[in-house]
Amino acid sequence: MASQPRSVLISGCSSGIGLELAVQLAHDPKQRYQVVATMRDLGKKEPLEKAAGEALGKTLRVAQLDVCSDESVANCLSHIEGGQVDVLVNNAGIGLVGPLEELSLATMQNVFNTNFFGAVRLVKAVLPSMKRRRQGHIVVVSSVMGLQGVVFNDVYAASKFALEGFFESLAIQLRQFNIFISMVEPGPVITDFEGKLLAQMSTMEFPDTDPDTLGYFRDSYLPASKELFRSVGQSPQDVAQVIAKVIGSARPPLRRQTNTRYLPLMALKTMDPSGSLYVRASHRLLFRWPNLLSLSIRCLACGCLPTRVRPG
């Protein structure tokens, strides 16, 4: 007898990783999935529906879901047969970059409401059913910035650090219920959004930022970020393929990084538990030796540096 399809609920599917993952799972010839691809604004569903093709209405359904709303989450789950979700993919998220002086508390809270509390809200909604059935898989699209701080990404990194701590803690308890948690940690991902954001930041006025910090942001950080995305950035399709493999694993990993070319940039942190080596080296590369930083990034792109990271 053929096994029943696994129901997969994915947040943030209007573009990028979420869109690509939903389409890949819906068309997977080996696994059997029923995908509920969600987004906050259904006015943006056309690209997903077009990419889904013949899977639309068969193995893929589009639904409205705002991860910042209890009512929206409850309404979405009420339209899933039996309210049963076998695999939850927390993908919805927003970015934030810039000098801290320019970021209001309300803006910071909005990042946490989406990136952190949005994921927590979804987990709280699906967890009782998973516990009753004693099976389930919760996938979190985190980031390498959940493992290391990155200059001028203070708030975004903090939201991802929060995800990492929350879900690692929860993973211990949920093993008793045969529920697995996997945190997928992409490095730079090339999207239209990222390109537009970096271009916009290079011309924006920052009236509350001191001249030195503004100079560091525009003259050091932005060029280094553009070089990093250009040299080692992944496509959303590549990241989605990694997530699909994690979902299809018999024993899903707790963490899976998607970009081996980025791993050397994390080596300094794993080599020194105190963190001083990473902070000192990052500071010098960005602010004192930008030419060396650019050369290192180009080496990552061509494979000059080793990709295996050994714990210190």
C-alpha atoms as a PDB file:
ATOM      1  CA  MET A   1       0.000   0.000   0.000  1.00  0.00           C
ATOM      2  CA  ALA A   2       1.396   3.410  -0.960  1.00  0.00           C
ATOM      3  CA  SER A   3       2.228   5.713   1.903  1.00  0.00           C
ATOM      4  CA  GLN A   4       0.172   8.834   2.433  1.00  0.00           C
ATOM      5  CA  PRO A   5       1.646  12.099   1.109  1.00  0.00           C
ATOM      6  CA  ARG A   6       3.369  14.228   3.731  1.00  0.00           C
ATOM      7  CA  SER A   7       1.730  17.603   4.265  1.00  0.00           C
ATOM      8  CA  VAL A   8       4.196  20.488   4.138  1.00  0.00           C
ATOM      9  CA  LEU A   9       3.359  24.025   5.246  1.00  0.00           C
ATOM     10  CA  ILE A  10       5.841  26.687   4.063  1.00  0.00           C
ATOM     11  CA  SER A  11       5.741  30.344   5.066  1.00  0.00           C
ATOM     12  CA  GLY A  12       7.065  33.186   2.926  1.00  0.00           C
ATOM     13  CA  CYS A  13       6.516  31.749  -0.568  1.00  0.00           C
ATOM     14  CA  SER A  14       5.916  34.888  -2.627  1.00  0.00           C
ATOM     15  CA  SER A  15       9.521  34.854  -3.855  1.00  0.00           C
ATOM     16  CA  GLY A  16      13.033  33.585  -3.216  1.00  0.00           C
ATOM     17  CA  ILE A  17      13.755  30.464  -1.213  1.00  0.00           C
ATOM     18  CA  GLY A  18      10.146  29.814  -0.203  1.00  0.00           C
ATOM     19  CA  LEU A  19       8.866  29.935  -3.779  1.00  0.00           C
ATOM     20  CA  GLU A  20      11.626  27.667  -5.064  1.00  0.00           C
ATOM     21  CA  LEU A  21      11.197  25.153  -2.245  1.00  0.00           C
ATOM     22  CA  ALA A  22       7.438  24.935  -2.694  1.00  0.00           C
ATOM     23  CA  VAL A  23       7.822  24.244  -6.407  1.00  0.00           C
ATOM     24  CA  GLN A  24      10.609  21.700  -5.924  1.00  0.00           C
ATOM     25  CA  LEU A  25       8.658  19.712  -3.333  1.00  0.00           C
ATOM     26  CA  ALA A  26       5.436  19.815  -5.352  1.00  0.00           C
ATOM     27  CA  HIS A  27       7.269  18.371  -8.372  1.00  0.00           C
ATOM     28  CA  ASP A  28       9.441  15.871  -6.475  1.00  0.00           C
ATOM     29  CA  PRO A  29       9.154  12.556  -8.384  1.00  0.00           C
ATOM     30  CA  LYS A  30      10.523  10.412  -5.525  1.00  0.00           C
ATOM     31  CA  GLN A  31       8.884  11.861  -2.440  1.00  0.00           C
ATOM     32  CA  ARG A  32       5.149  12.482  -2.095  1.00  0.00           C
ATOM     33  CA  TYR A  33       4.219  15.871  -0.688  1.00  0.00           C
ATOM     34  CA  GLN A  34       1.092  17.956  -0.415  1.00  0.00           C
ATOM     35  CA  VAL A  35       2.453  21.487  -0.227  1.00  0.00           C
ATOM     36  CA  VAL A  36       0.620  24.448   1.278  1.00  0.00           C
ATOM     37  CA  ALA A  37       2.639  27.424   0.071  1.00  0.00           C
ATOM     38  CA  THR A  38       1.727  30.535   2.037  1.00  0.00           C
ATOM     39  CA  MET A  39       2.340  34.254   1.851  1.00  0.00           C
ATOM     40  CA  ARG A  40       1.113  37.346   3.655  1.00  0.00           C
ATOM     41  CA  ASP A  41      -0.142  39.100   0.510  1.00  0.00           C
ATOM     42  CA  LEU A  42      -1.974  36.901  -1.992  1.00  0.00           C
ATOM     43  CA  GLY A  43      -1.661  39.724  -4.501  1.00  0.00           C
ATOM     44  CA  LYS A  44       1.910  38.457  -4.988  1.00  0.00           C
ATOM     45  CA  LYS A  45       0.972  34.839  -5.769  1.00  0.00           C
ATOM     46  CA  GLU A  46       1.245  34.988  -9.581  1.00  0.00           C
ATOM     47  CA  PRO A  47       4.996  34.134  -9.821  1.00  0.00           C
ATOM     48  CA  LEU A  48       4.478  31.100  -7.574  1.00  0.00           C
ATOM     49  CA  GLU A  49       1.439  29.874  -9.457  1.00  0.00           C
ATOM     50  CA  LYS A  50       3.238  30.288 -12.765  1.00  0.00           C
ATOM     51  CA  ALA A  51       6.283  28.383 -11.499  1.00  0.00           C
ATOM     52  CA  ALA A  52       4.083  25.630 -10.029  1.00  0.00           C
ATOM     53  CA  GLY A  53       2.594  24.829 -13.413  1.00  0.00           C
ATOM     54  CA  GLU A  54       0.577  21.621 -13.502  1.00  0.00           C
ATOM     55  CA  ALA A  55       1.245  20.987  -9.789  1.00  0.00           C
ATOM     56  CA  LEU A  56      -1.032  23.888  -8.870  1.00  0.00           C
ATOM     57  CA  GLY A  57      -4.246  22.547  -7.369  1.00  0.00           C
ATOM     58  CA  LYS A  58      -2.844  19.011  -7.234  1.00  0.00           C
ATOM     59  CA  THR A  59       0.279  18.780  -5.080  1.00  0.00           C
ATOM     60  CA  LEU A  60       0.540  22.515  -4.361  1.00  0.00           C
ATOM     61  CA  ARG A  61      -1.985  24.925  -2.930  1.00  0.00           C
ATOM     62  CA  VAL A  62      -1.473  28.628  -2.241  1.00  0.00           C
ATOM     63  CA  ALA A  63      -2.855  30.073   0.993  1.00  0.00           C
ATOM     64  CA  GLN A  64      -2.794  33.349   2.881  1.00  0.00           C
ATOM     65  CA  LEU A  65      -0.729  33.425   6.059  1.00  0.00           C
ATOM     66  CA  ASP A  66       0.624  36.317   8.105  1.00  0.00           C
ATOM     67  CA  VAL A  67       3.024  34.853  10.673  1.00  0.00           C
ATOM     68  CA  CYS A  68       2.554  37.975  12.821  1.00  0.00           C
ATOM     69  CA  SER A  69      -1.159  37.273  13.321  1.00  0.00           C
ATOM     70  CA  ASP A  70      -2.675  34.590  15.581  1.00  0.00           C
ATOM     71  CA  GLU A  71      -5.942  34.862  13.671  1.00  0.00           C
ATOM     72  CA  SER A  72      -4.250  34.383  10.306  1.00  0.00           C
ATOM     73  CA  VAL A  73      -2.340  31.335  11.519  1.00  0.00           C
ATOM     74  CA  ALA A  74      -5.490  29.745  12.951  1.00  0.00           C
ATOM     75  CA  ASN A  75      -7.444  30.450   9.768  1.00  0.00           C
ATOM     76  CA  CYS A  76      -4.746  28.932   7.574  1.00  0.00           C
ATOM     77  CA  LEU A  77      -4.552  25.740   9.632  1.00  0.00           C
ATOM     78  CA  SER A  78      -8.341  25.416   9.648  1.00  0.00           C
ATOM     79  CA  HIS A  79      -8.245  24.936   5.876  1.00  0.00           C
ATOM     80  CA  ILE A  80      -5.733  22.077   6.064  1.00  0.00           C
ATOM     81  CA  GLU A  81      -7.416  18.688   6.205  1.00  0.00           C
ATOM     82  CA  GLY A  82      -7.476  17.587   9.815  1.00  0.00           C
ATOM     83  CA  GLY A  83      -5.226  20.534  10.662  1.00  0.00           C
ATOM     84  CA  GLN A  84      -2.375  18.088  10.229  1.00  0.00           C
ATOM     85  CA  VAL A  85       1.058  19.379   9.253  1.00  0.00           C
ATOM     86  CA  ASP A  86       3.813  16.798   8.890  1.00  0.00           C
ATOM     87  CA  VAL A  87       6.548  19.255   7.941  1.00  0.00           C
ATOM     88  CA  LEU A  88       6.567  22.919   8.913  1.00  0.00           C
ATOM     89  CA  VAL A  89       9.056  25.165   7.122  1.00  0.00           C
ATOM     90  CA  ASN A  90       9.553  28.515   8.840  1.00  0.00           C
ATOM     91  CA  ASN A  91      10.872  30.582   5.960  1.00  0.00           C
ATOM     92  CA  ALA A  92       9.138  33.962   6.302  1.00  0.00           C
ATOM     93  CA  GLY A  93      11.602  36.661   7.246  1.00  0.00           C
ATOM     94  CA  ILE A  94      12.725  40.219   6.658  1.00  0.00           C
ATOM     95  CA  GLY A  95      16.162  41.799   6.607  1.00  0.00           C
ATOM     96  CA  LEU A  96      17.539  44.934   8.189  1.00  0.00           C
ATOM     97  CA  VAL A  97      20.907  46.557   7.597  1.00  0.00           C
ATOM     98  CA  GLY A  98      22.392  49.940   8.409  1.00  0.00           C
ATOM     99  CA  PRO A  99      23.952  52.056  11.140  1.00  0.00           C
ATOM    100  CA  LEU A 100      22.307  51.438  14.504  1.00  0.00           C
ATOM    101  CA  GLU A 101      21.672  55.149  15.065  1.00  0.00           C
ATOM    102  CA  GLU A 102      19.213  55.127  12.156  1.00  0.00           C
ATOM    103  CA  LEU A 103      17.147  52.163  13.325  1.00  0.00           C
ATOM    104  CA  SER A 104      14.093  52.864  15.468  1.00  0.00           C
ATOM    105  CA  LEU A 105      12.989  50.433  18.149  1.00  0.00           C
ATOM    106  CA  ALA A 106       9.741  49.939  16.248  1.00  0.00           C
ATOM    107  CA  THR A 107      11.704  48.845  13.174  1.00  0.00           C
ATOM    108  CA  MET A 108      13.777  46.444  15.262  1.00  0.00           C
ATOM    109  CA  GLN A 109      10.675  45.007  16.906  1.00  0.00           C
ATOM    110  CA  ASN A 110       9.141  44.430  13.483  1.00  0.00           C
ATOM    111  CA  VAL A 111      12.144  42.302  12.501  1.00  0.00           C
ATOM    112  CA  PHE A 112      11.788  40.198  15.641  1.00  0.00           C
ATOM    113  CA  ASN A 113       8.009  39.940  15.247  1.00  0.00           C
ATOM    114  CA  THR A 114       8.499  38.367  11.818  1.00  0.00           C
ATOM    115  CA  ASN A 115      11.783  36.487  12.056  1.00  0.00           C
ATOM    116  CA  PHE A 116      11.519  35.170  15.609  1.00  0.00           C
ATOM    117  CA  PHE A 117       8.013  35.445  17.050  1.00  0.00           C
ATOM    118  CA  GLY A 118       6.471  34.565  13.668  1.00  0.00           C
ATOM    119  CA  ALA A 119       8.299  31.244  13.726  1.00  0.00           C
ATOM    120  CA  VAL A 120       7.412  30.647  17.380  1.00  0.00           C
ATOM    121  CA  ARG A 121       3.746  31.400  16.650  1.00  0.00           C
ATOM    122  CA  LEU A 122       3.627  28.789  13.872  1.00  0.00           C
ATOM    123  CA  VAL A 123       5.371  26.155  15.976  1.00  0.00           C
ATOM    124  CA  LYS A 124       2.970  26.663  18.872  1.00  0.00           C
ATOM    125  CA  ALA A 125       0.089  26.177  16.450  1.00  0.00           C
ATOM    126  CA  VAL A 126       1.255  22.893  14.882  1.00  0.00           C
ATOM    127  CA  LEU A 127       3.044  21.324  17.848  1.00  0.00           C
ATOM    128  CA  PRO A 128       0.033  19.867  19.734  1.00  0.00           C
ATOM    129  CA  SER A 129      -1.001  17.808  16.700  1.00  0.00           C
ATOM    130  CA  MET A 130       2.588  16.662  16.082  1.00  0.00           C
ATOM    131  CA  LYS A 131       2.914  15.609  19.716  1.00  0.00           C
ATOM    132  CA  ARG A 132      -0.346  13.646  19.621  1.00  0.00           C
ATOM    133  CA  ARG A 133       0.812  11.803  16.498  1.00  0.00           C
ATOM    134  CA  ARG A 134       4.364  11.546  17.853  1.00  0.00           C
ATOM    135  CA  GLN A 135       5.893  12.570  14.573  1.00  0.00           C
ATOM    136  CA  GLY A 136       6.815  15.734  12.764  1.00  0.00           C
ATOM    137  CA  HIS A 137       9.616  17.794  11.319  1.00  0.00           C
ATOM    138  CA  ILE A 138      10.137  21.517  11.929  1.00  0.00           C
ATOM    139  CA  VAL A 139      12.518  23.227   9.529  1.00  0.00           C
ATOM    140  CA  VAL A 140      13.790  26.719  10.244  1.00  0.00           C
ATOM    141  CA  VAL A 141      15.442  28.858   7.589  1.00  0.00           C
ATOM    142  CA  SER A 142      18.035  30.496   9.798  1.00  0.00           C
ATOM    143  CA  SER A 143      21.310  32.040   8.581  1.00  0.00           C
ATOM    144  CA  VAL A 144      25.042  31.917   9.157  1.00  0.00           C
ATOM    145  CA  MET A 145      24.282  35.204  10.919  1.00  0.00           C
ATOM    146  CA  GLY A 146      22.593  33.088  13.563  1.00  0.00           C
ATOM    147  CA  LEU A 147      26.061  31.721  14.325  1.00  0.00           C
ATOM    148  CA  GLN A 148      28.258  34.804  13.934  1.00  0.00           C
ATOM    149  CA  GLY A 149      27.670  38.522  14.222  1.00  0.00           C
ATOM    150  CA  VAL A 150      28.151  40.603  11.083  1.00  0.00           C
ATOM    151  CA  VAL A 151      28.848  44.325  11.180  1.00  0.00           C
ATOM    152  CA  PHE A 152      25.885  46.601  10.356  1.00  0.00           C
ATOM    153  CA  ASN A 153      23.539  43.577  10.545  1.00  0.00           C
ATOM    154  CA  ASP A 154      23.144  43.818  14.316  1.00  0.00           C
ATOM    155  CA  VAL A 155      19.377  43.423  14.597  1.00  0.00           C
ATOM    156  CA  TYR A 156      18.964  40.851  11.814  1.00  0.00           C
ATOM    157  CA  ALA A 157      21.757  38.727  13.298  1.00  0.00           C
ATOM    158  CA  ALA A 158      20.176  39.049  16.745  1.00  0.00           C
ATOM    159  CA  SER A 159      16.854  37.714  15.408  1.00  0.00           C
ATOM    160  CA  LYS A 160      18.629  34.706  13.913  1.00  0.00           C
ATOM    161  CA  PHE A 161      20.651  34.114  17.094  1.00  0.00           C
ATOM    162  CA  ALA A 162      17.326  34.048  18.924  1.00  0.00           C
ATOM    163  CA  LEU A 163      15.987  31.420  16.514  1.00  0.00           C
ATOM    164  CA  GLU A 164      19.067  29.265  16.992  1.00  0.00           C
ATOM    165  CA  GLY A 165      18.846  29.319  20.777  1.00  0.00           C
ATOM    166  CA  PHE A 166      15.109  28.734  20.868  1.00  0.00           C
ATOM    167  CA  PHE A 167      15.029  25.808  18.455  1.00  0.00           C
ATOM    168  CA  GLU A 168      18.157  24.106  19.761  1.00  0.00           C
ATOM    169  CA  SER A 169      16.580  24.149  23.220  1.00  0.00           C
ATOM    170  CA  LEU A 170      13.254  22.876  21.881  1.00  0.00           C
ATOM    171  CA  ALA A 171      14.936  20.122  19.873  1.00  0.00           C
ATOM    172  CA  ILE A 172      16.060  18.380  23.063  1.00  0.00           C
ATOM    173  CA  GLN A 173      12.525  18.076  24.414  1.00  0.00           C
ATOM    174  CA  LEU A 174      10.908  17.121  21.120  1.00  0.00           C
ATOM    175  CA  ARG A 175      13.097  14.053  20.600  1.00  0.00           C
ATOM    176  CA  GLN A 176      10.819  12.391  23.182  1.00  0.00           C
ATOM    177  CA  PHE A 177       7.949  12.836  20.714  1.00  0.00           C
ATOM    178  CA  ASN A 178       9.882  11.736  17.603  1.00  0.00           C
ATOM    179  CA  ILE A 179       9.745  15.310  16.318  1.00  0.00           C
ATOM    180  CA  PHE A 180      12.858  16.609  14.604  1.00  0.00           C
ATOM    181  CA  ILE A 181      14.080  20.173  14.257  1.00  0.00           C
ATOM    182  CA  SER A 182      16.435  21.281  11.492  1.00  0.00           C
ATOM    183  CA  MET A 183      17.975  24.723  11.171  1.00  0.00           C
ATOM    184  CA  VAL A 184      19.166  25.430   7.638  1.00  0.00           C
ATOM    185  CA  GLU A 185      21.782  28.193   7.577  1.00  0.00           C
ATOM    186  CA  PRO A 186      22.382  29.871   4.212  1.00  0.00           C
ATOM    187  CA  GLY A 187      25.158  32.359   3.640  1.00  0.00           C
ATOM    188  CA  PRO A 188      24.620  35.158   1.094  1.00  0.00           C
ATOM    189  CA  VAL A 189      21.651  34.460  -1.190  1.00  0.00           C
ATOM    190  CA  ILE A 190      21.366  36.371  -4.451  1.00  0.00           C
ATOM    191  CA  THR A 191      17.907  37.864  -4.871  1.00  0.00           C
ATOM    192  CA  ASP A 192      16.499  40.999  -6.486  1.00  0.00           C
ATOM    193  CA  PHE A 193      15.665  42.214  -2.987  1.00  0.00           C
ATOM    194  CA  GLU A 194      19.274  42.071  -1.812  1.00  0.00           C
ATOM    195  CA  GLY A 195      20.572  43.861  -4.902  1.00  0.00           C
ATOM    196  CA  LYS A 196      18.022  46.647  -4.603  1.00  0.00           C
ATOM    197  CA  LEU A 197      18.658  46.990  -0.866  1.00  0.00           C
ATOM    198  CA  LEU A 198      22.427  47.427  -1.263  1.00  0.00           C
ATOM    199  CA  ALA A 199      21.937  49.907  -4.104  1.00  0.00           C
ATOM    200  CA  GLN A 200      19.413  51.878  -2.053  1.00  0.00           C
ATOM    201  CA  MET A 201      21.676  51.962   0.992  1.00  0.00           C
ATOM    202  CA  SER A 202      24.537  53.482  -1.005  1.00  0.00           C
ATOM    203  CA  THR A 203      22.487  56.608  -1.767  1.00  0.00           C
ATOM    204  CA  MET A 204      20.386  57.014   1.380  1.00  0.00           C
ATOM    205  CA  GLU A 205      20.880  59.893   3.778  1.00  0.00           C
ATOM    206  CA  PHE A 206      21.638  58.990   7.389  1.00  0.00           C
ATOM    207  CA  PRO A 207      21.245  62.247   9.331  1.00  0.00           C
ATOM    208  CA  ASP A 208      21.596  60.702  12.805  1.00  0.00           C
ATOM    209  CA  THR A 209      24.832  58.843  12.068  1.00  0.00           C
ATOM    210  CA  ASP A 210      28.245  60.312  12.828  1.00  0.00           C
ATOM    211  CA  PRO A 211      30.534  60.896   9.804  1.00  0.00           C
ATOM    212  CA  ASP A 212      33.037  58.194  10.751  1.00  0.00           C
ATOM    213  CA  THR A 213      30.412  55.455  11.054  1.00  0.00           C
ATOM    214  CA  LEU A 214      28.708  56.588   7.872  1.00  0.00           C
ATOM    215  CA  GLY A 215      32.019  56.454   6.048  1.00  0.00           C
ATOM    216  CA  TYR A 216      32.695  52.923   7.309  1.00  0.00           C
ATOM    217  CA  PHE A 217      29.239  51.839   6.187  1.00  0.00           C
ATOM    218  CA  ARG A 218      29.426  53.303   2.704  1.00  0.00           C
ATOM    219  CA  ASP A 219      33.120  52.911   1.928  1.00  0.00           C
ATOM    220  CA  SER A 220      33.926  49.618   3.665  1.00  0.00           C
ATOM    221  CA  TYR A 221      30.824  47.555   4.412  1.00  0.00           C
ATOM    222  CA  LEU A 222      28.792  48.122   1.239  1.00  0.00           C
ATOM    223  CA  PRO A 223      31.645  47.357  -1.223  1.00  0.00           C
ATOM    224  CA  ALA A 224      32.615  44.245   0.793  1.00  0.00           C
ATOM    225  CA  SER A 225      28.991  43.057   0.842  1.00  0.00           C
ATOM    226  CA  LYS A 226      28.591  43.497  -2.902  1.00  0.00           C
ATOM    227  CA  GLU A 227      31.819  41.560  -3.489  1.00  0.00           C
ATOM    228  CA  LEU A 228      30.722  38.790  -1.129  1.00  0.00           C
ATOM    229  CA  PHE A 229      27.337  38.347  -2.806  1.00  0.00           C
ATOM    230  CA  ARG A 230      28.918  38.461  -6.259  1.00  0.00           C
ATOM    231  CA  SER A 231      31.649  35.953  -5.405  1.00  0.00           C
ATOM    232  CA  VAL A 232      30.100  33.358  -3.086  1.00  0.00           C
ATOM    233  CA  GLY A 233      26.359  34.077  -3.146  1.00  0.00           C
ATOM    234  CA  GLN A 234      23.975  31.190  -3.805  1.00  0.00           C
ATOM    235  CA  SER A 235      20.765  31.196  -5.790  1.00  0.00           C
ATOM    236  CA  PRO A 236      17.449  30.564  -4.011  1.00  0.00           C
ATOM    237  CA  GLN A 237      17.199  27.359  -6.082  1.00  0.00           C
ATOM    238  CA  ASP A 238      20.456  26.051  -4.591  1.00  0.00           C
ATOM    239  CA  VAL A 239      19.321  26.736  -1.029  1.00  0.00           C
ATOM    240  CA  ALA A 240      15.920  25.165  -1.714  1.00  0.00           C
ATOM    241  CA  GLN A 241      17.621  21.986  -2.930  1.00  0.00           C
ATOM    242  CA  VAL A 242      19.487  21.689   0.377  1.00  0.00           C
ATOM    243  CA  ILE A 243      16.272  22.193   2.353  1.00  0.00           C
ATOM    244  CA  ALA A 244      14.485  19.582   0.221  1.00  0.00           C
ATOM    245  CA  LYS A 245      17.228  17.063   1.033  1.00  0.00           C
ATOM    246  CA  VAL A 246      16.935  17.857   4.744  1.00  0.00           C
ATOM    247  CA  ILE A 247      13.169  17.301   4.599  1.00  0.00           C
ATOM    248  CA  GLY A 248      13.689  13.994   2.810  1.00  0.00           C
ATOM    249  CA  SER A 249      16.260  12.725   5.337  1.00  0.00           C
ATOM    250  CA  ALA A 250      15.398   9.719   7.467  1.00  0.00           C
ATOM    251  CA  ARG A 251      17.352  11.259  10.382  1.00  0.00           C
ATOM    252  CA  PRO A 252      17.248  15.017   9.800  1.00  0.00           C
ATOM    253  CA  PRO A 253      20.236  17.028  11.079  1.00  0.00           C
ATOM    254  CA  LEU A 254      19.852  19.776  13.666  1.00  0.00           C
ATOM    255  CA  ARG A 255      21.966  22.145  11.563  1.00  0.00           C
ATOM    256  CA  ARG A 256      22.831  22.222   7.901  1.00  0.00           C
ATOM    257  CA  GLN A 257      24.770  25.003   6.233  1.00  0.00           C
ATOM    258  CA  THR A 258      24.138  25.407   2.537  1.00  0.00           C
ATOM    259  CA  ASN A 259      27.259  27.121   1.185  1.00  0.00           C
ATOM    260  CA  THR A 260      30.625  25.367   1.528  1.00  0.00           C
ATOM    261  CA  ARG A 261      32.402  28.397   0.056  1.00  0.00           C
ATOM    262  CA  TYR A 262      31.301  30.476   3.021  1.00  0.00           C
ATOM    263  CA  LEU A 263      32.572  28.044   5.653  1.00  0.00           C
ATOM    264  CA  PRO A 264      36.134  29.451   5.855  1.00  0.00           C
ATOM    265  CA  LEU A 265      34.674  32.778   6.971  1.00  0.00           C
ATOM    266  CA  MET A 266      33.307  30.953  10.017  1.00  0.00           C
ATOM    267  CA  ALA A 267      36.556  29.148  10.817  1.00  0.00           C
ATOM    268  CA  LEU A 268      37.940  31.937  13.000  1.00  0.00           C
ATOM    269  CA  LYS A 269      34.966  31.678  15.337  1.00  0.00           C
ATOM    270  CA  THR A 270      35.141  27.899  15.653  1.00  0.00           C
ATOM    271  CA  MET A 271      38.901  28.056  16.269  1.00  0.00           C
ATOM    272  CA  ASP A 272      38.629  30.396  19.264  1.00  0.00           C
ATOM    273  CA  PRO A 273      35.756  29.849  21.729  1.00  0.00           C
ATOM    274  CA  SER A 274      36.454  33.229  23.365  1.00  0.00           C
ATOM    275  CA  GLY A 275      35.345  35.008  20.175  1.00  0.00           C
ATOM    276  CA  SER A 276      38.222  37.482  20.325  1.00  0.00           C
ATOM    277  CA  LEU A 277      39.979  36.082  17.273  1.00  0.00           C
ATOM    278  CA  TYR A 278      36.891  36.413  15.071  1.00  0.00           C
ATOM    279  CA  VAL A 279      36.082  39.969  16.191  1.00  0.00           C
ATOM    280  CA  ARG A 280      39.695  41.127  15.898  1.00  0.00           C
ATOM    281  CA  ALA A 281      40.275  39.553  12.486  1.00  0.00           C
ATOM    282  CA  SER A 282      36.935  40.780  11.097  1.00  0.00           C
ATOM    283  CA  HIS A 283      37.662  44.292  12.318  1.00  0.00           C
ATOM    284  CA  ARG A 284      41.084  44.371  10.721  1.00  0.00           C
ATOM    285  CA  LEU A 285      39.945  42.901   7.414  1.00  0.00           C
ATOM    286  CA  LEU A 286      37.039  45.306   7.039  1.00  0.00           C
ATOM    287  CA  PHE A 287      38.511  48.511   8.426  1.00  0.00           C
ATOM    288  CA  ARG A 288      42.282  48.185   8.030  1.00  0.00           C
ATOM    289  CA  TRP A 289      42.980  45.686   5.248  1.00  0.00           C
ATOM    290  CA  PRO A 290      40.041  45.949   2.823  1.00  0.00           C
ATOM    291  CA  ASN A 291      42.238  44.917  -0.127  1.00  0.00           C
ATOM    292  CA  LEU A 292      43.137  41.689   1.674  1.00  0.00           C
ATOM    293  CA  LEU A 293      39.436  41.104   2.435  1.00  0.00           C
ATOM    294  CA  SER A 294      38.579  41.527  -1.257  1.00  0.00           C
ATOM    295  CA  LEU A 295      41.340  39.097  -2.230  1.00  0.00           C
ATOM    296  CA  SER A 296      40.131  36.559   0.348  1.00  0.00           C
ATOM    297  CA  ILE A 297      36.577  36.740  -0.976  1.00  0.00           C
ATOM    298  CA  ARG A 298      37.822  36.174  -4.537  1.00  0.00           C
ATOM    299  CA  CYS A 299      39.809  33.167  -3.296  1.00  0.00           C
ATOM    300  CA  LEU A 300      36.631  31.740  -1.764  1.00  0.00           C
ATOM    301  CA  ALA A 301      34.920  32.080  -5.126  1.00  0.00           C
ATOM    302  CA  CYS A 302      37.626  30.175  -6.994  1.00  0.00           C
ATOM    303  CA  GLY A 303      38.182  27.574  -4.270  1.00  0.00           C
ATOM    304  CA  CYS A 304      41.666  28.722  -3.187  1.00  0.00           C
ATOM    305  CA  LEU A 305      40.807  28.365   0.492  1.00  0.00           C
ATOM    306  CA  PRO A 306      39.812  25.087   2.183  1.00  0.00           C
ATOM    307  CA  THR A 307      36.112  24.585   2.766  1.00  0.00           C
ATOM    308  CA  ARG A 308      36.314  22.139   5.657  1.00  0.00           C
ATOM    309  CA  VAL A 309      35.983  23.811   9.042  1.00  0.00           C
ATOM    310  CA  ARG A 310      37.408  21.927  12.008  1.00  0.00           C
ATOM    311  CA  PRO A 311      36.381  22.793  15.550  1.00  0.00           C
ATOM    312  CA  GLY A 312      39.113  24.398  17.605  1.00  0.00           C
END
